Protein backbone atom coordinates (compact mmCIF):
# COMPACT_ATOMS: atom_id res chain seq x y z
CA MET A 1 4.74 -8.56 16.52
CA HIS A 2 3.10 -8.54 13.10
CA ASP A 3 1.62 -5.09 13.66
CA GLY A 4 4.98 -3.53 12.75
CA LEU A 5 4.93 -5.24 9.37
CA LEU A 6 1.35 -4.13 8.68
CA ILE A 7 2.25 -0.56 9.59
CA SER A 8 5.39 -0.68 7.45
CA VAL A 9 3.50 -1.97 4.40
CA GLY A 10 0.79 0.65 4.91
CA GLU A 11 3.37 3.42 5.16
CA ARG A 12 5.04 2.26 1.96
CA VAL A 13 1.73 2.08 0.09
CA ARG A 14 0.97 5.65 1.22
CA LEU A 15 4.48 6.81 0.30
CA PHE A 16 4.34 5.43 -3.25
CA ARG A 17 0.75 6.67 -3.69
CA LYS A 18 1.83 10.17 -2.76
CA ARG A 19 4.92 9.96 -4.96
CA LYS A 20 2.60 9.17 -7.88
CA GLN A 21 0.38 12.07 -6.76
CA LEU A 22 -2.62 9.78 -6.48
CA SER A 23 -5.53 10.24 -4.12
CA GLN A 24 -6.84 7.24 -2.24
CA ILE A 25 -9.82 7.28 -4.58
CA ALA A 26 -7.60 7.17 -7.68
CA LEU A 27 -5.51 4.30 -6.28
CA SER A 28 -8.68 2.55 -5.24
CA GLU A 29 -9.99 2.72 -8.79
CA ARG A 30 -6.67 1.62 -10.31
CA SER A 31 -6.27 -1.33 -7.96
CA GLY A 32 -9.89 -2.44 -7.63
CA ILE A 33 -9.68 -2.04 -3.83
CA ASP A 34 -12.41 -0.26 -1.89
CA ARG A 35 -11.25 3.17 -0.70
CA THR A 36 -12.08 2.52 2.95
CA TYR A 37 -10.20 -0.79 2.80
CA LEU A 38 -7.24 1.04 1.23
CA SER A 39 -7.34 3.55 4.07
CA ASP A 40 -7.21 0.70 6.58
CA ILE A 41 -4.22 -0.79 4.71
CA GLU A 42 -2.36 2.53 4.83
CA ASN A 43 -3.07 2.78 8.55
CA GLY A 44 -1.76 -0.73 9.24
CA LYS A 45 -5.17 -2.05 10.25
CA ARG A 46 -5.51 -4.79 7.61
CA ASN A 47 -3.61 -8.01 7.07
CA ILE A 48 -3.86 -8.08 3.29
CA SER A 49 -3.52 -11.03 0.93
CA LEU A 50 -0.73 -11.46 -1.58
CA LEU A 51 -3.23 -10.84 -4.36
CA THR A 52 -4.20 -7.49 -2.86
CA LEU A 53 -0.54 -6.60 -2.37
CA ASN A 54 0.10 -7.50 -6.01
CA ASN A 55 -2.84 -5.36 -7.16
CA LEU A 56 -1.43 -2.41 -5.24
CA ALA A 57 2.06 -2.92 -6.66
CA LEU A 58 0.69 -3.06 -10.20
CA ALA A 59 -1.48 0.01 -9.66
CA LEU A 60 1.49 1.91 -8.21
CA ASP A 61 3.84 0.59 -10.91
CA VAL A 62 6.41 -0.61 -8.37
CA PRO A 63 7.87 -4.08 -7.77
CA ILE A 64 5.93 -5.90 -5.07
CA GLU A 65 9.07 -6.23 -2.96
CA MET A 66 9.20 -2.42 -2.66
CA LEU A 67 6.00 -2.59 -0.62
CA VAL A 68 7.31 -5.13 1.88
CA SER A 69 11.02 -4.38 2.22
CA ARG A 70 12.36 -2.68 5.34
CA PRO A 71 13.34 -0.11 6.47
CA PRO A 72 10.76 2.29 5.00
CA VAL A 73 12.02 4.65 2.34
CA THR A 74 11.57 8.37 2.77
CA LEU A 75 10.27 11.05 0.42
């Protein structure tokens, strides 16, 4: 049941990262999140904390709610 939410958040992180033309390494450095952990987030494999979600939102310069709202936005 929760897997759909994890996948949705991961897709949105990837979407906004690509919109900002950032590599996973660049977003990793901006957010202070390990690149392999970031990859797992984008693939819906990690149940992240609110603090991690906030770090990603700040690094992507988007409101935190943009990373958790549904349905996913498109490019």
